[in-house]
PDB file of N, CA and C in Angstrom:
ATOM      1  N   UNK A   1       0.844  -1.170   0.000  1.00  0.00           N
ATOM      2  CA  UNK A   1       0.000   0.000   0.000  1.00  0.00           C
ATOM      3  C   UNK A   1       0.895   1.241   0.000  1.00  0.00           C
ATOM      4  N   UNK A   2       0.636   2.150  -0.900  1.00  0.00           N
ATOM      5  CA  UNK A   2       1.448   3.369  -1.014  1.00  0.00           C
ATOM      6  C   UNK A   2       1.101   4.332   0.109  1.00  0.00           C
ATOM      7  N   UNK A   3       2.162   4.961   0.621  1.00  0.00           N
ATOM      8  CA  UNK A   3       1.947   5.955   1.669  1.00  0.00           C
ATOM      9  C   UNK A   3       1.583   7.287   1.031  1.00  0.00           C
ATOM     10  N   UNK A   4       0.711   7.992   1.695  1.00  0.00           N
ATOM     11  CA  UNK A   4       0.313   9.308   1.226  1.00  0.00           C
ATOM     12  C   UNK A   4       1.439  10.292   1.535  1.00  0.00           C
ATOM     13  N   UNK A   5       1.810  11.081   0.557  1.00  0.00           N
ATOM     14  CA  UNK A   5       2.880  12.062   0.763  1.00  0.00           C
ATOM     15  C   UNK A   5       2.415  13.107   1.766  1.00  0.00           C
ATOM     16  N   UNK A   6       3.301  13.412   2.692  1.00  0.00           N
ATOM     17  CA  UNK A   6       2.973  14.418   3.695  1.00  0.00           C
ATOM     18  C   UNK A   6       2.922  15.787   3.033  1.00  0.00           C
ATOM     19  N   UNK A   7       1.852  16.492   3.293  1.00  0.00           N
ATOM     20  CA  UNK A   7       1.751  17.834   2.722  1.00  0.00           C
ATOM     21  C   UNK A   7       2.511  18.808   3.619  1.00  0.00           C
ATOM     22  N   UNK A   8       3.068  19.840   3.020  1.00  0.00           N
ATOM     23  CA  UNK A   8       3.816  20.795   3.835  1.00  0.00           C
ATOM     24  C   UNK A   8       2.867  21.516   4.788  1.00  0.00           C
ATOM     25  N   UNK A   9       3.396  21.933   5.923  1.00  0.00           N
ATOM     26  CA  UNK A   9       2.524  22.636   6.870  1.00  0.00           C
ATOM     27  C   UNK A   9       2.075  23.970   6.274  1.00  0.00           C
ATOM     28  N   UNK A  10       0.901  24.433   6.658  1.00  0.00           N
ATOM     29  CA  UNK A  10       0.444  25.723   6.128  1.00  0.00           C
ATOM     30  C   UNK A  10       1.373  26.838   6.607  1.00  0.00           C
ATOM     31  N   UNK A  11       1.510  27.907   5.822  1.00  0.00           N
ATOM     32  CA  UNK A  11       2.402  28.990   6.238  1.00  0.00           C
ATOM     33  C   UNK A  11       1.895  29.662   7.512  1.00  0.00           C
ATOM     34  N   UNK A  12       2.839  30.143   8.287  1.00  0.00           N
ATOM     35  CA  UNK A  12       2.510  30.850   9.524  1.00  0.00           C
ATOM     36  C   UNK A  12       1.962  32.234   9.173  1.00  0.00           C
ATOM     37  N   UNK A  13       1.189  32.852  10.078  1.00  0.00           N
ATOM     38  CA  UNK A  13       0.632  34.182   9.794  1.00  0.00           C
ATOM     39  C   UNK A  13       1.694  35.204   9.391  1.00  0.00           C
ATOM     40  N   UNK A  14       2.864  35.152  10.026  1.00  0.00           N
ATOM     41  CA  UNK A  14       3.953  36.071   9.665  1.00  0.00           C
ATOM     42  C   UNK A  14       4.358  35.866   8.208  1.00  0.00           C
ATOM     43  N   UNK A  15       4.461  34.608   7.779  1.00  0.00           N
ATOM     44  CA  UNK A  15       4.875  34.301   6.411  1.00  0.00           C
ATOM     45  C   UNK A  15       3.829  34.768   5.399  1.00  0.00           C
ATOM     46  N   UNK A  16       2.554  34.579   5.726  1.00  0.00           N
ATOM     47  CA  UNK A  16       1.472  35.012   4.837  1.00  0.00           C
ATOM     48  C   UNK A  16       1.508  36.532   4.687  1.00  0.00           C
ATOM     49  N   UNK A  17       1.655  37.240   5.805  1.00  0.00           N
ATOM     50  CA  UNK A  17       1.718  38.699   5.788  1.00  0.00           C
ATOM     51  C   UNK A  17       2.933  39.180   5.003  1.00  0.00           C
ATOM     52  N   UNK A  18       4.087  38.603   5.270  1.00  0.00           N
ATOM     53  CA  UNK A  18       5.314  39.013   4.588  1.00  0.00           C
ATOM     54  C   UNK A  18       5.194  38.800   3.078  1.00  0.00           C
ATOM     55  N   UNK A  19       4.607  37.691   2.653  1.00  0.00           N
ATOM     56  CA  UNK A  19       4.443  37.430   1.220  1.00  0.00           C
ATOM     57  C   UNK A  19       3.488  38.446   0.586  1.00  0.00           C
ATOM     58  N   UNK A  20       2.406  38.781   1.298  1.00  0.00           N
ATOM     59  CA  UNK A  20       1.444  39.753   0.771  1.00  0.00           C
ATOM     60  C   UNK A  20       2.097  41.123   0.606  1.00  0.00           C
ATOM     61  N   UNK A  21       2.825  41.572   1.620  1.00  0.00           N
ATOM     62  CA  UNK A  21       3.472  42.878   1.547  1.00  0.00           C
ATOM     63  C   UNK A  21       4.594  42.885   0.513  1.00  0.00           C
ATOM     64  N   UNK A  22       5.278  41.763   0.360  1.00  0.00           N
ATOM     65  CA  UNK A  22       6.337  41.665  -0.646  1.00  0.00           C
ATOM     66  C   UNK A  22       5.762  41.840  -2.052  1.00  0.00           C
ATOM     67  N   UNK A  23       4.579  41.267  -2.292  1.00  0.00           N
ATOM     68  CA  UNK A  23       3.938  41.435  -3.604  1.00  0.00           C
ATOM     69  C   UNK A  23       3.623  42.911  -3.864  1.00  0.00           C
ATOM     70  N   UNK A  24       3.157  43.621  -2.830  1.00  0.00           N
ATOM     71  CA  UNK A  24       2.848  45.050  -2.974  1.00  0.00           C
ATOM     72  C   UNK A  24       4.120  45.827  -3.296  1.00  0.00           C
ATOM     73  N   UNK A  25       5.179  45.583  -2.537  1.00  0.00           N
ATOM     74  CA  UNK A  25       6.445  46.302  -2.714  1.00  0.00           C
ATOM     75  C   UNK A  25       7.070  45.989  -4.071  1.00  0.00           C
ATOM     76  N   UNK A  26       6.924  44.774  -4.542  1.00  0.00           N
ATOM     77  CA  UNK A  26       7.540  44.363  -5.806  1.00  0.00           C
ATOM     78  C   UNK A  26       6.693  44.668  -7.035  1.00  0.00           C
ATOM     79  N   UNK A  27       5.529  45.268  -6.842  1.00  0.00           N
ATOM     80  CA  UNK A  27       4.685  45.591  -7.996  1.00  0.00           C
ATOM     81  C   UNK A  27       5.401  46.602  -8.890  1.00  0.00           C
ATOM     82  N   UNK A  28       5.156  46.558 -10.194  1.00  0.00           N
ATOM     83  CA  UNK A  28       5.827  47.496 -11.104  1.00  0.00           C
ATOM     84  C   UNK A  28       5.602  48.967 -10.732  1.00  0.00           C
ATOM     85  N   UNK A  29       4.384  49.320 -10.331  1.00  0.00           N
ATOM     86  CA  UNK A  29       4.101  50.718  -9.968  1.00  0.00           C
ATOM     87  C   UNK A  29       4.917  51.140  -8.754  1.00  0.00           C
ATOM     88  N   UNK A  30       4.999  50.282  -7.749  1.00  0.00           N
ATOM     89  CA  UNK A  30       5.778  50.603  -6.551  1.00  0.00           C
ATOM     90  C   UNK A  30       7.259  50.697  -6.880  1.00  0.00           C
ATOM     91  N   UNK A  31       7.739  49.822  -7.727  1.00  0.00           N
ATOM     92  CA  UNK A  31       9.154  49.848  -8.084  1.00  0.00           C
ATOM     93  C   UNK A  31       9.511  51.118  -8.859  1.00  0.00           C
ATOM     94  N   UNK A  32       8.602  51.579  -9.709  1.00  0.00           N
ATOM     95  CA  UNK A  32       8.859  52.819 -10.454  1.00  0.00           C
ATOM     96  C   UNK A  32       8.906  54.025  -9.522  1.00  0.00           C
ATOM     97  N   UNK A  33       7.956  54.101  -8.593  1.00  0.00           N
ATOM     98  CA  UNK A  33       7.848  55.279  -7.725  1.00  0.00           C
ATOM     99  C   UNK A  33       8.652  55.144  -6.435  1.00  0.00           C
ATOM    100  N   UNK A  34       9.145  53.949  -6.157  1.00  0.00           N
ATOM    101  CA  UNK A  34       9.909  53.653  -4.938  1.00  0.00           C
ATOM    102  C   UNK A  34       9.117  53.994  -3.676  1.00  0.00           C
ATOM    103  N   UNK A  35       7.843  53.691  -3.726  1.00  0.00           N
ATOM    104  CA  UNK A  35       6.954  53.853  -2.583  1.00  0.00           C
ATOM    105  C   UNK A  35       5.789  52.878  -2.730  1.00  0.00           C
ATOM    106  N   UNK A  36       5.217  52.491  -1.596  1.00  0.00           N
ATOM    107  CA  UNK A  36       4.063  51.591  -1.616  1.00  0.00           C
ATOM    108  C   UNK A  36       3.259  51.800  -0.343  1.00  0.00           C
ATOM    109  N   UNK A  37       1.964  51.557  -0.432  1.00  0.00           N
ATOM    110  CA  UNK A  37       1.095  51.617   0.732  1.00  0.00           C
ATOM    111  C   UNK A  37       0.890  50.195   1.236  1.00  0.00           C
ATOM    112  N   UNK A  38       1.329  49.955   2.459  1.00  0.00           N
ATOM    113  CA  UNK A  38       1.161  48.644   3.079  1.00  0.00           C
ATOM    114  C   UNK A  38      -0.108  48.700   3.915  1.00  0.00           C
ATOM    115  N   UNK A  39      -1.138  48.016   3.448  1.00  0.00           N
ATOM    116  CA  UNK A  39      -2.434  48.065   4.106  1.00  0.00           C
ATOM    117  C   UNK A  39      -2.539  46.980   5.160  1.00  0.00           C
ATOM    118  N   UNK A  40      -2.856  47.414   6.359  1.00  0.00           N
ATOM    119  CA  UNK A  40      -3.037  46.461   7.446  1.00  0.00           C
ATOM    120  C   UNK A  40      -4.481  45.975   7.428  1.00  0.00           C
ATOM    121  N   UNK A  41      -4.635  44.656   7.416  1.00  0.00           N
ATOM    122  CA  UNK A  41      -5.960  44.048   7.437  1.00  0.00           C
ATOM    123  C   UNK A  41      -6.339  43.701   8.869  1.00  0.00           C
ATOM    124  N   UNK A  42      -7.630  43.652   9.135  1.00  0.00           N
ATOM    125  CA  UNK A  42      -8.085  43.279  10.478  1.00  0.00           C
ATOM    126  C   UNK A  42      -7.604  41.889  10.861  1.00  0.00           C
ATOM    127  N   UNK A  43      -7.391  41.043   9.878  1.00  0.00           N
ATOM    128  CA  UNK A  43      -6.967  39.664  10.146  1.00  0.00           C
ATOM    129  C   UNK A  43      -5.464  39.535  10.391  1.00  0.00           C
ATOM    130  N   UNK A  44      -4.695  40.624  10.213  1.00  0.00           N
ATOM    131  CA  UNK A  44      -3.249  40.567  10.443  1.00  0.00           C
ATOM    132  C   UNK A  44      -2.968  40.543  11.942  1.00  0.00           C
ATOM    133  N   UNK A  45      -2.337  39.485  12.440  1.00  0.00           N
ATOM    134  CA  UNK A  45      -2.027  39.426  13.873  1.00  0.00           C
ATOM    135  C   UNK A  45      -1.048  40.537  14.265  1.00  0.00           C
ATOM    136  N   UNK A  46      -1.250  41.092  15.458  1.00  0.00           N
ATOM    137  CA  UNK A  46      -0.392  42.179  15.939  1.00  0.00           C
ATOM    138  C   UNK A  46       1.077  41.791  15.922  1.00  0.00           C
ATOM    139  N   UNK A  47       1.395  40.588  16.415  1.00  0.00           N
ATOM    140  CA  UNK A  47       2.809  40.203  16.515  1.00  0.00           C
ATOM    141  C   UNK A  47       3.452  40.071  15.133  1.00  0.00           C
ATOM    142  N   UNK A  48       2.714  39.555  14.163  1.00  0.00           N
ATOM    143  CA  UNK A  48       3.261  39.414  12.809  1.00  0.00           C
ATOM    144  C   UNK A  48       3.457  40.791  12.175  1.00  0.00           C
ATOM    145  N   UNK A  49       2.464  41.668  12.313  1.00  0.00           N
ATOM    146  CA  UNK A  49       2.564  43.017  11.753  1.00  0.00           C
ATOM    147  C   UNK A  49       3.744  43.767  12.378  1.00  0.00           C
ATOM    148  N   UNK A  50       3.841  43.720  13.710  1.00  0.00           N
ATOM    149  CA  UNK A  50       4.929  44.418  14.408  1.00  0.00           C
ATOM    150  C   UNK A  50       6.295  43.884  13.985  1.00  0.00           C
ATOM    151  N   UNK A  51       6.394  42.584  13.809  1.00  0.00           N
ATOM    152  CA  UNK A  51       7.670  41.985  13.403  1.00  0.00           C
ATOM    153  C   UNK A  51       8.080  42.451  12.012  1.00  0.00           C
ATOM    154  N   UNK A  52       7.145  42.451  11.072  1.00  0.00           N
ATOM    155  CA  UNK A  52       7.457  42.891   9.713  1.00  0.00           C
ATOM    156  C   UNK A  52       7.836  44.370   9.714  1.00  0.00           C
ATOM    157  N   UNK A  53       7.099  45.198  10.457  1.00  0.00           N
ATOM    158  CA  UNK A  53       7.410  46.631  10.500  1.00  0.00           C
ATOM    159  C   UNK A  53       8.788  46.874  11.110  1.00  0.00           C
ATOM    160  N   UNK A  54       9.127  46.117  12.142  1.00  0.00           N
ATOM    161  CA  UNK A  54      10.447  46.259  12.764  1.00  0.00           C
ATOM    162  C   UNK A  54      11.547  45.867  11.775  1.00  0.00           C
ATOM    163  N   UNK A  55      11.336  44.775  11.063  1.00  0.00           N
ATOM    164  CA  UNK A  55      12.334  44.335  10.089  1.00  0.00           C
ATOM    165  C   UNK A  55      12.501  45.362   8.967  1.00  0.00           C
ATOM    166  N   UNK A  56      11.394  45.933   8.502  1.00  0.00           N
ATOM    167  CA  UNK A  56      11.479  46.942   7.450  1.00  0.00           C
ATOM    168  C   UNK A  56      12.168  48.206   7.953  1.00  0.00           C
ATOM    169  N   UNK A  57      11.857  48.614   9.181  1.00  0.00           N
ATOM    170  CA  UNK A  57      12.451  49.847   9.711  1.00  0.00           C
ATOM    171  C   UNK A  57      13.944  49.699   9.953  1.00  0.00           C
ATOM    172  N   UNK A  58      14.413  48.477  10.141  1.00  0.00           N
ATOM    173  CA  UNK A  58      15.845  48.225  10.340  1.00  0.00           C
ATOM    174  C   UNK A  58      16.613  48.123   9.021  1.00  0.00           C
ATOM    175  N   UNK A  59      15.909  48.206   7.905  1.00  0.00           N
ATOM    176  CA  UNK A  59      16.532  48.072   6.591  1.00  0.00           C
ATOM    177  C   UNK A  59      17.097  49.419   6.139  1.00  0.00           C
ATOM    178  N   UNK A  60      18.339  49.416   5.663  1.00  0.00           N
ATOM    179  CA  UNK A  60      18.970  50.643   5.167  1.00  0.00           C
ATOM    180  C   UNK A  60      18.185  51.213   3.990  1.00  0.00           C
ATOM    181  N   UNK A  61      18.144  52.535   3.908  1.00  0.00           N
ATOM    182  CA  UNK A  61      17.527  53.268   2.799  1.00  0.00           C
ATOM    183  C   UNK A  61      16.015  53.081   2.711  1.00  0.00           C
ATOM    184  N   UNK A  62      15.381  52.695   3.829  1.00  0.00           N
ATOM    185  CA  UNK A  62      13.933  52.509   3.874  1.00  0.00           C
ATOM    186  C   UNK A  62      13.359  53.432   4.944  1.00  0.00           C
ATOM    187  N   UNK A  63      12.265  54.120   4.595  1.00  0.00           N
ATOM    188  CA  UNK A  63      11.566  54.988   5.534  1.00  0.00           C
ATOM    189  C   UNK A  63      10.121  54.527   5.619  1.00  0.00           C
ATOM    190  N   UNK A  64       9.604  54.439   6.833  1.00  0.00           N
ATOM    191  CA  UNK A  64       8.210  54.068   7.053  1.00  0.00           C
ATOM    192  C   UNK A  64       7.461  55.274   7.605  1.00  0.00           C
ATOM    193  N   UNK A  65       6.278  55.542   7.069  1.00  0.00           N
ATOM    194  CA  UNK A  65       5.403  56.594   7.575  1.00  0.00           C
ATOM    195  C   UNK A  65       4.126  55.921   8.068  1.00  0.00           C
ATOM    196  N   UNK A  66       3.939  55.919   9.387  1.00  0.00           N
ATOM    197  CA  UNK A  66       2.775  55.278   9.987  1.00  0.00           C
ATOM    198  C   UNK A  66       1.589  56.235   9.907  1.00  0.00           C
ATOM    199  N   UNK A  67       0.515  55.775   9.312  1.00  0.00           N
ATOM    200  CA  UNK A  67      -0.663  56.611   9.077  1.00  0.00           C
ATOM    201  C   UNK A  67      -1.706  56.395  10.162  1.00  0.00           C
ATOM    202  N   UNK A  68      -2.592  57.368  10.295  1.00  0.00           N
ATOM    203  CA  UNK A  68      -3.646  57.299  11.307  1.00  0.00           C
ATOM    204  C   UNK A  68      -4.609  56.141  11.077  1.00  0.00           C
ATOM    205  N   UNK A  69      -4.740  55.697   9.831  1.00  0.00           N
ATOM    206  CA  UNK A  69      -5.670  54.604   9.526  1.00  0.00           C
ATOM    207  C   UNK A  69      -5.072  53.221   9.774  1.00  0.00           C
ATOM    208  N   UNK A  70      -3.821  53.181  10.297  1.00  0.00           N
ATOM    209  CA  UNK A  70      -3.187  51.900  10.595  1.00  0.00           C
ATOM    210  C   UNK A  70      -2.318  51.366   9.472  1.00  0.00           C
ATOM    211  N   UNK A  71      -2.442  51.945   8.293  1.00  0.00           N
ATOM    212  CA  UNK A  71      -1.604  51.534   7.172  1.00  0.00           C
ATOM    213  C   UNK A  71      -0.236  52.200   7.285  1.00  0.00           C
ATOM    214  N   UNK A  72       0.696  51.733   6.486  1.00  0.00           N
ATOM    215  CA  UNK A  72       2.054  52.268   6.506  1.00  0.00           C
ATOM    216  C   UNK A  72       2.486  52.568   5.077  1.00  0.00           C
ATOM    217  N   UNK A  73       2.970  53.788   4.870  1.00  0.00           N
ATOM    218  CA  UNK A  73       3.552  54.158   3.580  1.00  0.00           C
ATOM    219  C   UNK A  73       5.039  53.879   3.680  1.00  0.00           C
ATOM    220  N   UNK A  74       5.558  53.105   2.746  1.00  0.00           N
ATOM    221  CA  UNK A  74       6.983  52.785   2.740  1.00  0.00           C
ATOM    222  C   UNK A  74       7.634  53.491   1.554  1.00  0.00           C
ATOM    223  N   UNK A  75       8.793  54.074   1.815  1.00  0.00           N
ATOM    224  CA  UNK A  75       9.591  54.752   0.797  1.00  0.00           C
ATOM    225  C   UNK A  75      10.983  54.150   0.836  1.00  0.00           C
ATOM    226  N   UNK A  76      11.634  54.064  -0.315  1.00  0.00           N
ATOM    227  CA  UNK A  76      13.007  53.574  -0.318  1.00  0.00           C
ATOM    228  C   UNK A  76      13.806  54.274  -1.402  1.00  0.00           C
ATOM    229  N   UNK A  77      15.102  54.252  -1.195  1.00  0.00           N
ATOM    230  CA  UNK A  77      16.027  54.782  -2.191  1.00  0.00           C
ATOM    231  C   UNK A  77      16.989  53.671  -2.574  1.00  0.00           C
ATOM    232  N   UNK A  78      17.488  53.768  -3.782  1.00  0.00           N
ATOM    233  CA  UNK A  78      18.477  52.804  -4.255  1.00  0.00           C
ATOM    234  C   UNK A  78      19.818  53.528  -4.243  1.00  0.00           C
ATOM    235  N   UNK A  79      20.760  53.075  -3.406  1.00  0.00           N
ATOM    236  CA  UNK A  79      22.049  53.766  -3.331  1.00  0.00           C
ATOM    237  C   UNK A  79      22.805  53.697  -4.657  1.00  0.00           C
ATOM    238  N   UNK A  80      23.518  54.765  -4.942  1.00  0.00           N
ATOM    239  CA  UNK A  80      24.343  54.814  -6.150  1.00  0.00           C
ATOM    240  C   UNK A  80      25.569  53.936  -5.962  1.00  0.00           C
ATOM    241  N   UNK A  81      25.896  53.176  -6.977  1.00  0.00           N
ATOM    242  CA  UNK A  81      27.099  52.339  -6.916  1.00  0.00           C
ATOM    243  C   UNK A  81      28.304  53.167  -7.323  1.00  0.00           C
ATOM    244  N   UNK A  82      29.443  52.824  -6.734  1.00  0.00           N
ATOM    245  CA  UNK A  82      30.650  53.498  -7.174  1.00  0.00           C
ATOM    246  C   UNK A  82      31.359  54.067  -6.076  1.00  0.00           C
TER     247      UNK A  82
END
C-alpha cells in the first residue's frame, strides 16, 4: 500500500503577511515610484505586523510613515554604486 505524501505545513501568519506585503512592494508601480502603501488588514495578527514593521524599519535606505488609519507608507532609495 502506497503511503500518502505528507503535505507541507500551512504557512505561519507572519509568512502570509510578509508574502502579501512583498507582492505590494515588488509591484511594477511601486518599483517605479519607490513607494508603496502597506495596508493592514483586520486579520493581520499584531505580533506578525509588528515583526514585519520592525524588520522593514531596520533596513537601510527605507523609511516608514505610519498613518492614522493603521496603514504604513513605505519609501526607499536605491544607493548609487561606485
